[in-house]
N, C-alpha and C. Protein backbone atom coordinates (compact mmCIF):
# COMPACT_ATOMS: atom_id res chain seq x y z
N MET A 1 73.75 -20.69 55.16
CA MET A 1 73.34 -22.03 55.36
C MET A 1 71.94 -22.18 54.81
N ASN A 2 71.76 -23.20 54.26
CA ASN A 2 70.49 -23.51 53.62
C ASN A 2 69.68 -24.37 54.56
N ILE A 3 68.45 -23.92 54.85
CA ILE A 3 67.62 -24.67 55.78
C ILE A 3 67.11 -25.95 55.17
N PHE A 4 67.07 -26.00 53.89
CA PHE A 4 66.56 -27.21 53.23
C PHE A 4 67.68 -28.20 52.97
N ALA A 5 68.83 -27.80 53.22
CA ALA A 5 69.95 -28.67 52.92
C ALA A 5 69.84 -30.02 53.61
N PRO A 6 69.46 -30.08 54.93
CA PRO A 6 69.42 -31.39 55.54
C PRO A 6 68.35 -32.29 54.93
N LEU A 7 67.30 -31.72 54.31
CA LEU A 7 66.25 -32.55 53.73
C LEU A 7 66.65 -32.95 52.33
N ARG A 8 66.64 -34.17 52.13
CA ARG A 8 66.96 -34.64 50.81
C ARG A 8 65.69 -35.17 50.20
N PHE A 9 65.30 -34.55 49.13
CA PHE A 9 64.10 -35.02 48.45
C PHE A 9 64.48 -36.12 47.52
N LYS A 10 63.72 -37.11 47.60
CA LYS A 10 63.91 -38.15 46.63
C LYS A 10 63.26 -37.67 45.37
N GLN A 11 63.61 -38.27 44.39
CA GLN A 11 63.01 -37.88 43.13
C GLN A 11 61.54 -38.26 43.18
N ILE A 12 60.65 -37.25 42.97
CA ILE A 12 59.21 -37.46 43.05
C ILE A 12 58.76 -37.93 41.68
N PRO A 13 57.97 -39.00 41.70
CA PRO A 13 57.50 -39.50 40.41
C PRO A 13 56.68 -38.42 39.69
N LEU A 14 56.83 -38.41 38.41
CA LEU A 14 56.18 -37.40 37.57
C LEU A 14 54.67 -37.51 37.62
N HIS A 15 54.11 -38.67 37.72
CA HIS A 15 52.66 -38.80 37.73
C HIS A 15 52.06 -38.23 39.00
N TRP A 16 52.83 -38.15 40.10
CA TRP A 16 52.32 -37.51 41.30
C TRP A 16 52.23 -36.00 41.11
N VAL A 17 53.25 -35.47 40.49
CA VAL A 17 53.27 -34.02 40.26
C VAL A 17 52.10 -33.63 39.36
N ALA A 18 51.87 -34.44 38.36
CA ALA A 18 50.75 -34.16 37.47
C ALA A 18 49.43 -34.26 38.20
N GLY A 19 49.28 -35.22 39.06
CA GLY A 19 48.03 -35.39 39.82
C GLY A 19 47.77 -34.22 40.74
N VAL A 20 48.85 -33.77 41.44
CA VAL A 20 48.70 -32.63 42.35
C VAL A 20 48.32 -31.37 41.54
N ALA A 21 48.93 -31.22 40.39
CA ALA A 21 48.63 -30.05 39.56
C ALA A 21 47.17 -30.08 39.11
N MET A 22 46.69 -31.26 38.81
CA MET A 22 45.28 -31.36 38.39
C MET A 22 44.35 -31.05 39.55
N ILE A 23 44.70 -31.50 40.72
CA ILE A 23 43.86 -31.22 41.90
C ILE A 23 43.84 -29.73 42.17
N LEU A 24 45.01 -29.12 42.12
CA LEU A 24 45.08 -27.68 42.39
C LEU A 24 44.38 -26.87 41.30
N ALA A 25 44.42 -27.33 40.08
CA ALA A 25 43.75 -26.61 39.00
C ALA A 25 42.24 -26.66 39.17
N GLY A 26 41.74 -27.73 39.75
CA GLY A 26 40.31 -27.86 39.96
C GLY A 26 39.80 -26.98 41.08
N CYS A 27 40.68 -26.50 41.93
CA CYS A 27 40.27 -25.65 43.05
C CYS A 27 40.25 -24.20 42.58
N THR A 28 39.08 -23.64 42.52
CA THR A 28 38.94 -22.23 42.17
C THR A 28 38.09 -21.56 43.20
N SER A 29 38.10 -20.26 43.21
CA SER A 29 37.32 -19.53 44.19
C SER A 29 35.84 -19.42 43.80
N THR A 30 35.53 -19.52 42.51
CA THR A 30 34.14 -19.47 42.07
C THR A 30 33.80 -20.78 41.38
N PRO A 31 32.61 -21.27 41.60
CA PRO A 31 32.27 -22.54 40.95
C PRO A 31 32.12 -22.35 39.44
N VAL A 32 32.51 -23.34 38.73
CA VAL A 32 32.37 -23.31 37.29
C VAL A 32 30.99 -23.85 36.96
N LEU A 33 30.18 -23.02 36.31
CA LEU A 33 28.82 -23.41 35.98
C LEU A 33 28.79 -23.98 34.57
N PRO A 34 27.92 -24.93 34.36
CA PRO A 34 27.81 -25.42 32.99
C PRO A 34 27.26 -24.31 32.10
N PRO A 35 27.51 -24.37 30.80
CA PRO A 35 26.99 -23.30 29.93
C PRO A 35 25.47 -23.27 30.02
N PRO A 36 24.90 -22.07 29.93
CA PRO A 36 23.44 -21.97 30.06
C PRO A 36 22.77 -22.74 28.93
N ALA A 37 21.75 -23.44 29.33
CA ALA A 37 20.99 -24.19 28.32
C ALA A 37 20.14 -23.20 27.52
N ALA A 38 19.98 -23.47 26.27
CA ALA A 38 19.16 -22.59 25.44
C ALA A 38 17.71 -22.66 25.92
N LEU A 39 17.17 -21.48 26.21
CA LEU A 39 15.78 -21.43 26.68
C LEU A 39 14.86 -21.71 25.49
N PRO A 40 13.79 -22.45 25.72
CA PRO A 40 12.88 -22.72 24.60
C PRO A 40 12.21 -21.42 24.16
N VAL A 41 12.13 -21.19 22.86
CA VAL A 41 11.49 -20.02 22.30
C VAL A 41 10.02 -20.34 22.09
N PRO A 42 9.14 -19.53 22.68
CA PRO A 42 7.71 -19.83 22.48
C PRO A 42 7.33 -19.62 21.02
N PRO A 43 6.42 -20.41 20.54
CA PRO A 43 6.01 -20.24 19.13
C PRO A 43 5.31 -18.90 18.96
N PRO A 44 5.40 -18.31 17.76
CA PRO A 44 4.73 -17.02 17.54
C PRO A 44 3.22 -17.19 17.68
N PRO A 45 2.55 -16.13 18.12
CA PRO A 45 1.09 -16.24 18.26
C PRO A 45 0.46 -16.45 16.89
N PRO A 46 -0.66 -17.14 16.87
CA PRO A 46 -1.32 -17.35 15.58
C PRO A 46 -1.76 -16.00 15.00
N PRO A 47 -1.76 -15.90 13.68
CA PRO A 47 -2.17 -14.61 13.08
C PRO A 47 -3.62 -14.31 13.42
N ALA A 48 -3.85 -13.02 13.61
CA ALA A 48 -5.22 -12.59 13.92
C ALA A 48 -6.11 -12.85 12.71
N PRO A 49 -7.33 -13.26 12.94
CA PRO A 49 -8.22 -13.49 11.79
C PRO A 49 -8.47 -12.20 11.04
N VAL A 50 -8.49 -12.29 9.74
CA VAL A 50 -8.74 -11.12 8.89
C VAL A 50 -10.24 -10.93 8.76
N VAL A 51 -10.69 -9.79 9.20
CA VAL A 51 -12.11 -9.49 9.12
C VAL A 51 -12.30 -8.50 7.98
N VAL A 52 -13.06 -8.89 7.00
CA VAL A 52 -13.32 -8.03 5.85
C VAL A 52 -14.68 -7.40 6.04
N ALA A 53 -14.67 -6.09 6.14
CA ALA A 53 -15.93 -5.37 6.33
C ALA A 53 -16.67 -5.33 5.00
N PRO A 54 -17.98 -5.40 5.05
CA PRO A 54 -18.73 -5.30 3.80
C PRO A 54 -18.54 -3.91 3.21
N PRO A 55 -18.62 -3.79 1.90
CA PRO A 55 -18.42 -2.47 1.29
C PRO A 55 -19.49 -1.49 1.77
N VAL A 56 -19.05 -0.27 1.92
CA VAL A 56 -19.96 0.78 2.35
C VAL A 56 -20.79 1.23 1.15
N VAL A 57 -22.07 1.11 1.30
CA VAL A 57 -22.97 1.52 0.23
C VAL A 57 -23.57 2.85 0.63
N ALA A 58 -23.35 3.84 -0.20
CA ALA A 58 -23.85 5.17 0.12
C ALA A 58 -25.38 5.17 0.08
N ALA A 59 -25.95 5.78 1.07
CA ALA A 59 -27.40 5.90 1.11
C ALA A 59 -27.82 6.98 0.13
N PRO A 60 -29.03 6.87 -0.40
CA PRO A 60 -29.48 7.92 -1.32
C PRO A 60 -29.49 9.26 -0.61
N SER A 61 -29.12 10.32 -1.35
CA SER A 61 -29.06 11.64 -0.74
C SER A 61 -30.45 12.11 -0.32
N TYR A 62 -31.44 11.68 -1.05
CA TYR A 62 -32.83 11.92 -0.67
C TYR A 62 -33.70 10.94 -1.42
N VAL A 63 -34.96 10.93 -1.09
CA VAL A 63 -35.88 10.01 -1.75
C VAL A 63 -36.80 10.78 -2.67
N SER A 64 -37.33 10.06 -3.61
CA SER A 64 -38.29 10.66 -4.54
C SER A 64 -39.66 10.06 -4.26
N ASN A 65 -40.64 10.91 -4.13
CA ASN A 65 -42.01 10.45 -3.94
C ASN A 65 -42.78 10.49 -5.25
N ALA A 66 -42.06 10.49 -6.36
CA ALA A 66 -42.69 10.55 -7.68
C ALA A 66 -43.61 9.35 -7.87
N ALA A 67 -44.77 9.61 -8.46
CA ALA A 67 -45.75 8.54 -8.71
C ALA A 67 -45.62 8.00 -10.13
N THR A 68 -44.92 8.73 -11.01
CA THR A 68 -44.76 8.28 -12.40
C THR A 68 -43.30 8.46 -12.81
N ALA A 69 -42.92 7.79 -13.91
CA ALA A 69 -41.56 7.92 -14.43
C ALA A 69 -41.30 9.35 -14.88
N ARG A 70 -42.33 10.00 -15.40
CA ARG A 70 -42.18 11.39 -15.84
C ARG A 70 -41.86 12.31 -14.65
N ASP A 71 -42.54 12.08 -13.52
CA ASP A 71 -42.25 12.86 -12.32
C ASP A 71 -40.84 12.56 -11.80
N TYR A 72 -40.47 11.29 -11.86
CA TYR A 72 -39.14 10.91 -11.38
C TYR A 72 -38.05 11.55 -12.24
N ARG A 73 -38.29 11.70 -13.52
CA ARG A 73 -37.31 12.30 -14.43
C ARG A 73 -36.88 13.68 -13.93
N ARG A 74 -37.84 14.46 -13.41
CA ARG A 74 -37.51 15.80 -12.90
C ARG A 74 -36.59 15.68 -11.67
N ASP A 75 -36.88 14.74 -10.77
CA ASP A 75 -36.02 14.55 -9.58
C ASP A 75 -34.61 14.11 -10.00
N ALA A 76 -34.54 13.21 -10.98
CA ALA A 76 -33.25 12.73 -11.45
C ALA A 76 -32.46 13.86 -12.12
N ALA A 77 -33.15 14.71 -12.90
CA ALA A 77 -32.48 15.83 -13.57
C ALA A 77 -31.91 16.81 -12.54
N HIS A 78 -32.67 17.12 -11.50
CA HIS A 78 -32.18 18.01 -10.44
C HIS A 78 -30.96 17.38 -9.77
N HIS A 79 -31.03 16.09 -9.55
CA HIS A 79 -29.92 15.37 -8.92
C HIS A 79 -28.66 15.45 -9.80
N LEU A 80 -28.80 15.22 -11.09
CA LEU A 80 -27.66 15.31 -12.01
C LEU A 80 -27.08 16.72 -12.04
N TYR A 81 -27.93 17.72 -12.02
CA TYR A 81 -27.45 19.10 -12.02
C TYR A 81 -26.67 19.39 -10.73
N GLU A 82 -27.19 18.92 -9.59
CA GLU A 82 -26.50 19.16 -8.31
C GLU A 82 -25.11 18.53 -8.31
N ARG A 83 -24.97 17.38 -8.92
CA ARG A 83 -23.68 16.67 -8.95
C ARG A 83 -22.73 17.23 -10.01
N ASN A 84 -23.23 18.04 -10.94
CA ASN A 84 -22.42 18.54 -12.05
C ASN A 84 -22.61 20.04 -12.26
N LEU A 85 -22.68 20.81 -11.21
CA LEU A 85 -22.96 22.25 -11.31
C LEU A 85 -22.01 22.97 -12.27
N GLN A 86 -20.74 22.64 -12.25
CA GLN A 86 -19.76 23.34 -13.09
C GLN A 86 -19.86 22.91 -14.55
N ARG A 87 -20.64 21.88 -14.87
CA ARG A 87 -20.72 21.38 -16.24
C ARG A 87 -22.06 21.72 -16.92
N VAL A 88 -22.92 22.38 -16.20
CA VAL A 88 -24.24 22.72 -16.74
C VAL A 88 -24.14 24.03 -17.51
N TYR A 89 -24.65 24.04 -18.74
CA TYR A 89 -24.67 25.25 -19.58
C TYR A 89 -25.71 26.20 -19.01
N ARG A 90 -25.32 27.44 -18.72
CA ARG A 90 -26.23 28.43 -18.16
C ARG A 90 -26.80 29.29 -19.29
N GLY A 91 -28.08 29.51 -19.22
CA GLY A 91 -28.74 30.35 -20.22
C GLY A 91 -29.26 29.52 -21.38
N LYS A 92 -29.71 30.24 -22.43
CA LYS A 92 -30.27 29.57 -23.61
C LYS A 92 -29.15 28.96 -24.44
N MET A 93 -29.38 27.75 -24.91
CA MET A 93 -28.39 27.05 -25.73
C MET A 93 -28.36 27.68 -27.13
N PRO A 94 -27.20 27.65 -27.81
CA PRO A 94 -27.13 28.17 -29.17
C PRO A 94 -27.95 27.31 -30.13
N PRO A 95 -28.26 27.82 -31.30
CA PRO A 95 -29.12 27.07 -32.22
C PRO A 95 -28.49 25.76 -32.72
N LEU A 96 -27.19 25.74 -32.91
CA LEU A 96 -26.54 24.51 -33.38
C LEU A 96 -25.77 23.87 -32.22
N LEU A 97 -26.20 22.69 -31.84
CA LEU A 97 -25.53 21.97 -30.76
C LEU A 97 -24.56 20.94 -31.33
N TYR A 98 -23.57 20.60 -30.55
CA TYR A 98 -22.60 19.60 -30.98
C TYR A 98 -23.23 18.22 -31.02
N ALA A 99 -24.06 17.90 -30.02
CA ALA A 99 -24.70 16.59 -29.98
C ALA A 99 -26.00 16.66 -29.20
N VAL A 100 -26.93 15.80 -29.61
CA VAL A 100 -28.19 15.62 -28.89
C VAL A 100 -28.38 14.11 -28.77
N GLY A 101 -28.62 13.66 -27.54
CA GLY A 101 -28.81 12.23 -27.32
C GLY A 101 -29.97 11.99 -26.39
N VAL A 102 -30.68 10.89 -26.61
CA VAL A 102 -31.79 10.51 -25.75
C VAL A 102 -31.40 9.21 -25.06
N LEU A 103 -31.31 9.26 -23.73
CA LEU A 103 -30.85 8.12 -22.95
C LEU A 103 -31.94 7.66 -22.00
N GLN A 104 -32.11 6.36 -21.96
CA GLN A 104 -33.06 5.73 -21.03
C GLN A 104 -32.24 5.15 -19.88
N VAL A 105 -32.65 5.46 -18.64
CA VAL A 105 -31.91 5.04 -17.45
C VAL A 105 -32.85 4.27 -16.53
N GLU A 106 -32.39 3.10 -16.10
CA GLU A 106 -33.17 2.30 -15.14
C GLU A 106 -32.52 2.42 -13.77
N VAL A 107 -33.33 2.75 -12.76
CA VAL A 107 -32.86 2.97 -11.40
C VAL A 107 -33.59 2.00 -10.48
N ASP A 108 -32.85 1.31 -9.60
CA ASP A 108 -33.49 0.37 -8.67
C ASP A 108 -34.04 1.12 -7.45
N GLY A 109 -34.62 0.38 -6.53
CA GLY A 109 -35.28 0.97 -5.37
C GLY A 109 -34.36 1.69 -4.41
N LYS A 110 -33.03 1.47 -4.54
CA LYS A 110 -32.07 2.14 -3.66
C LYS A 110 -31.39 3.32 -4.35
N GLY A 111 -31.76 3.59 -5.60
CA GLY A 111 -31.19 4.73 -6.30
C GLY A 111 -29.97 4.40 -7.15
N HIS A 112 -29.70 3.10 -7.37
CA HIS A 112 -28.55 2.71 -8.18
C HIS A 112 -28.97 2.42 -9.61
N VAL A 113 -28.14 2.86 -10.55
CA VAL A 113 -28.41 2.64 -11.97
C VAL A 113 -28.16 1.17 -12.28
N THR A 114 -29.18 0.51 -12.83
CA THR A 114 -29.02 -0.90 -13.18
C THR A 114 -28.75 -1.08 -14.67
N SER A 115 -29.20 -0.12 -15.49
CA SER A 115 -28.90 -0.20 -16.92
C SER A 115 -29.15 1.15 -17.58
N THR A 116 -28.51 1.31 -18.73
CA THR A 116 -28.75 2.48 -19.58
C THR A 116 -28.88 1.98 -21.01
N SER A 117 -29.69 2.67 -21.79
CA SER A 117 -29.79 2.31 -23.21
C SER A 117 -30.11 3.58 -24.00
N TRP A 118 -29.49 3.67 -25.17
CA TRP A 118 -29.68 4.84 -26.02
C TRP A 118 -30.92 4.66 -26.88
N MET A 119 -31.78 5.66 -26.84
CA MET A 119 -32.95 5.67 -27.71
C MET A 119 -32.62 6.44 -28.98
N ARG A 120 -31.76 7.46 -28.80
CA ARG A 120 -31.23 8.22 -29.94
C ARG A 120 -29.79 8.57 -29.57
N ALA A 121 -28.85 7.85 -30.13
CA ALA A 121 -27.44 8.03 -29.78
C ALA A 121 -26.76 9.00 -30.74
N PRO A 122 -25.92 9.89 -30.21
CA PRO A 122 -25.15 10.78 -31.08
C PRO A 122 -23.90 10.05 -31.59
N HIS A 123 -24.10 9.16 -32.56
CA HIS A 123 -23.02 8.32 -33.07
C HIS A 123 -21.87 9.12 -33.68
N HIS A 124 -22.14 10.33 -34.14
CA HIS A 124 -21.08 11.16 -34.70
C HIS A 124 -20.11 11.66 -33.62
N ALA A 125 -20.51 11.54 -32.33
CA ALA A 125 -19.69 12.00 -31.21
C ALA A 125 -19.61 10.91 -30.15
N PRO A 126 -18.86 9.84 -30.41
CA PRO A 126 -18.79 8.74 -29.44
C PRO A 126 -18.21 9.16 -28.09
N GLU A 127 -17.37 10.20 -28.11
CA GLU A 127 -16.82 10.68 -26.84
C GLU A 127 -17.92 11.29 -25.97
N VAL A 128 -18.93 11.88 -26.60
CA VAL A 128 -20.05 12.45 -25.87
C VAL A 128 -20.90 11.32 -25.28
N MET A 129 -21.12 10.28 -26.06
CA MET A 129 -21.89 9.14 -25.55
C MET A 129 -21.20 8.56 -24.31
N ALA A 130 -19.90 8.36 -24.39
CA ALA A 130 -19.16 7.80 -23.26
C ALA A 130 -19.21 8.73 -22.05
N GLU A 131 -19.10 10.04 -22.30
CA GLU A 131 -19.12 11.00 -21.20
C GLU A 131 -20.49 11.07 -20.53
N ILE A 132 -21.54 11.00 -21.30
CA ILE A 132 -22.90 11.01 -20.73
C ILE A 132 -23.10 9.76 -19.87
N GLU A 133 -22.71 8.61 -20.38
CA GLU A 133 -22.87 7.38 -19.60
C GLU A 133 -22.05 7.43 -18.32
N ARG A 134 -20.83 7.96 -18.41
CA ARG A 134 -19.97 8.09 -17.23
C ARG A 134 -20.60 9.05 -16.21
N THR A 135 -21.13 10.16 -16.70
CA THR A 135 -21.76 11.14 -15.83
C THR A 135 -22.96 10.55 -15.11
N VAL A 136 -23.76 9.77 -15.83
CA VAL A 136 -24.93 9.13 -15.23
C VAL A 136 -24.49 8.17 -14.12
N ARG A 137 -23.46 7.37 -14.38
CA ARG A 137 -22.99 6.39 -13.39
C ARG A 137 -22.37 7.06 -12.17
N LEU A 138 -21.60 8.12 -12.39
CA LEU A 138 -20.94 8.79 -11.27
C LEU A 138 -21.90 9.55 -10.37
N ALA A 139 -23.10 9.81 -10.84
CA ALA A 139 -24.08 10.55 -10.04
C ALA A 139 -24.81 9.64 -9.05
N GLU A 140 -24.52 8.35 -9.05
CA GLU A 140 -25.17 7.44 -8.10
C GLU A 140 -24.82 7.83 -6.67
N PRO A 141 -25.68 7.57 -5.72
CA PRO A 141 -27.04 7.07 -5.86
C PRO A 141 -28.01 8.20 -6.18
N TYR A 142 -28.99 7.87 -6.97
CA TYR A 142 -30.06 8.79 -7.34
C TYR A 142 -31.09 8.79 -6.22
N PRO A 143 -32.03 9.71 -6.26
CA PRO A 143 -33.11 9.67 -5.27
C PRO A 143 -33.81 8.31 -5.34
N ALA A 144 -34.00 7.70 -4.21
CA ALA A 144 -34.64 6.39 -4.17
C ALA A 144 -36.12 6.54 -4.54
N PRO A 145 -36.57 5.82 -5.57
CA PRO A 145 -37.99 5.93 -5.98
C PRO A 145 -38.87 5.09 -5.06
N VAL A 146 -39.19 5.63 -3.89
CA VAL A 146 -39.88 4.85 -2.87
C VAL A 146 -41.29 4.43 -3.29
N ARG A 147 -42.00 5.26 -4.01
CA ARG A 147 -43.37 4.88 -4.43
C ARG A 147 -43.36 3.95 -5.63
N LEU A 148 -42.36 4.07 -6.47
CA LEU A 148 -42.30 3.24 -7.69
C LEU A 148 -41.50 1.96 -7.47
N GLY A 149 -40.62 1.95 -6.50
CA GLY A 149 -39.79 0.77 -6.25
C GLY A 149 -38.61 0.70 -7.20
N ARG A 150 -38.87 0.73 -8.47
CA ARG A 150 -37.87 0.72 -9.55
C ARG A 150 -38.47 1.57 -10.65
N VAL A 151 -37.61 2.30 -11.36
CA VAL A 151 -38.14 3.19 -12.39
C VAL A 151 -37.20 3.24 -13.59
N THR A 152 -37.78 3.38 -14.76
CA THR A 152 -37.02 3.63 -15.98
C THR A 152 -37.52 4.96 -16.53
N TYR A 153 -36.58 5.91 -16.63
CA TYR A 153 -36.96 7.22 -17.13
C TYR A 153 -36.09 7.56 -18.34
N THR A 154 -36.56 8.48 -19.14
CA THR A 154 -35.87 8.90 -20.36
C THR A 154 -35.67 10.40 -20.33
N ASP A 155 -34.45 10.85 -20.70
CA ASP A 155 -34.20 12.28 -20.79
C ASP A 155 -33.32 12.56 -22.00
N THR A 156 -33.43 13.77 -22.51
CA THR A 156 -32.67 14.20 -23.68
C THR A 156 -31.52 15.07 -23.21
N TRP A 157 -30.32 14.72 -23.67
CA TRP A 157 -29.10 15.45 -23.32
C TRP A 157 -28.77 16.41 -24.47
N LEU A 158 -28.66 17.69 -24.15
CA LEU A 158 -28.29 18.72 -25.11
C LEU A 158 -26.83 19.09 -24.83
N TRP A 159 -25.94 18.77 -25.78
CA TRP A 159 -24.50 18.88 -25.55
C TRP A 159 -23.90 20.01 -26.37
N HIS A 160 -23.27 20.96 -25.69
CA HIS A 160 -22.58 22.08 -26.34
C HIS A 160 -21.15 21.65 -26.68
N LYS A 161 -20.55 22.28 -27.70
CA LYS A 161 -19.20 21.91 -28.12
C LYS A 161 -18.16 22.15 -27.03
N SER A 162 -18.46 22.98 -26.04
CA SER A 162 -17.54 23.25 -24.93
C SER A 162 -17.49 22.10 -23.92
N GLY A 163 -18.43 21.16 -24.05
CA GLY A 163 -18.50 20.06 -23.08
C GLY A 163 -19.54 20.30 -22.00
N LEU A 164 -20.19 21.46 -22.04
CA LEU A 164 -21.27 21.75 -21.10
C LEU A 164 -22.58 21.17 -21.66
N PHE A 165 -23.53 20.91 -20.78
CA PHE A 165 -24.78 20.30 -21.22
C PHE A 165 -25.97 20.88 -20.48
N GLN A 166 -27.14 20.59 -21.02
CA GLN A 166 -28.41 20.79 -20.33
C GLN A 166 -29.23 19.55 -20.57
N LEU A 167 -30.13 19.29 -19.65
CA LEU A 167 -31.11 18.22 -19.84
C LEU A 167 -32.40 18.85 -20.32
N ASP A 168 -33.08 18.19 -21.22
CA ASP A 168 -34.32 18.73 -21.77
C ASP A 168 -35.33 19.01 -20.67
N THR A 169 -35.31 18.20 -19.62
CA THR A 169 -36.27 18.38 -18.53
C THR A 169 -36.09 19.74 -17.85
N LEU A 170 -34.87 20.24 -17.77
CA LEU A 170 -34.61 21.50 -17.08
C LEU A 170 -34.03 22.56 -18.03
N THR A 171 -34.18 22.41 -19.30
CA THR A 171 -33.56 23.32 -20.25
C THR A 171 -34.08 24.74 -20.10
N GLU A 172 -33.23 25.67 -20.45
CA GLU A 172 -33.60 27.08 -20.46
C GLU A 172 -33.97 27.52 -21.86
N GLY A 173 -34.02 26.56 -22.77
CA GLY A 173 -34.40 26.85 -24.14
C GLY A 173 -33.20 27.03 -25.06
N GLN A 174 -33.52 27.38 -26.32
CA GLN A 174 -32.49 27.59 -27.32
C GLN A 174 -32.72 28.95 -27.98
N LEU A 175 -31.64 29.54 -28.45
CA LEU A 175 -31.73 30.82 -29.15
C LEU A 175 -32.32 30.63 -30.53
């Protein structure tokens, strides 16, 4: 026997069934949250200011108390020898040299070369002229001429064919 048999259901309108289904579909055990809103992204921090340090200027290795350009020439020659120990010709130079040049060098109060000029240039050996000028510039800073403030000195370069040299101020002579 069917217990539902005595109950006769009338035909239930379709829109009621749909409504009940919608109500039941809306009932859930957990609440439906709206999608998370996009959080605002903070703007990037402004770039740090670029600080450019002033160039480092090497202090003179020592000072010269020379009272004359001739005295300063000796200090400058010692300085050049110290910076070029492996390039200095040791002993007496041979009688025939590859090149001889006379260079005038101007040095400011801080020991920096401000100009060079040839008084007697070895034009037959332009590579020697370029190398002497390069050597003079690379030896900066020279002893600061504290008593003279600025000085122009002249020295004679004695150049051997091997690329070694002596300065007339400190020469050991010639054979």
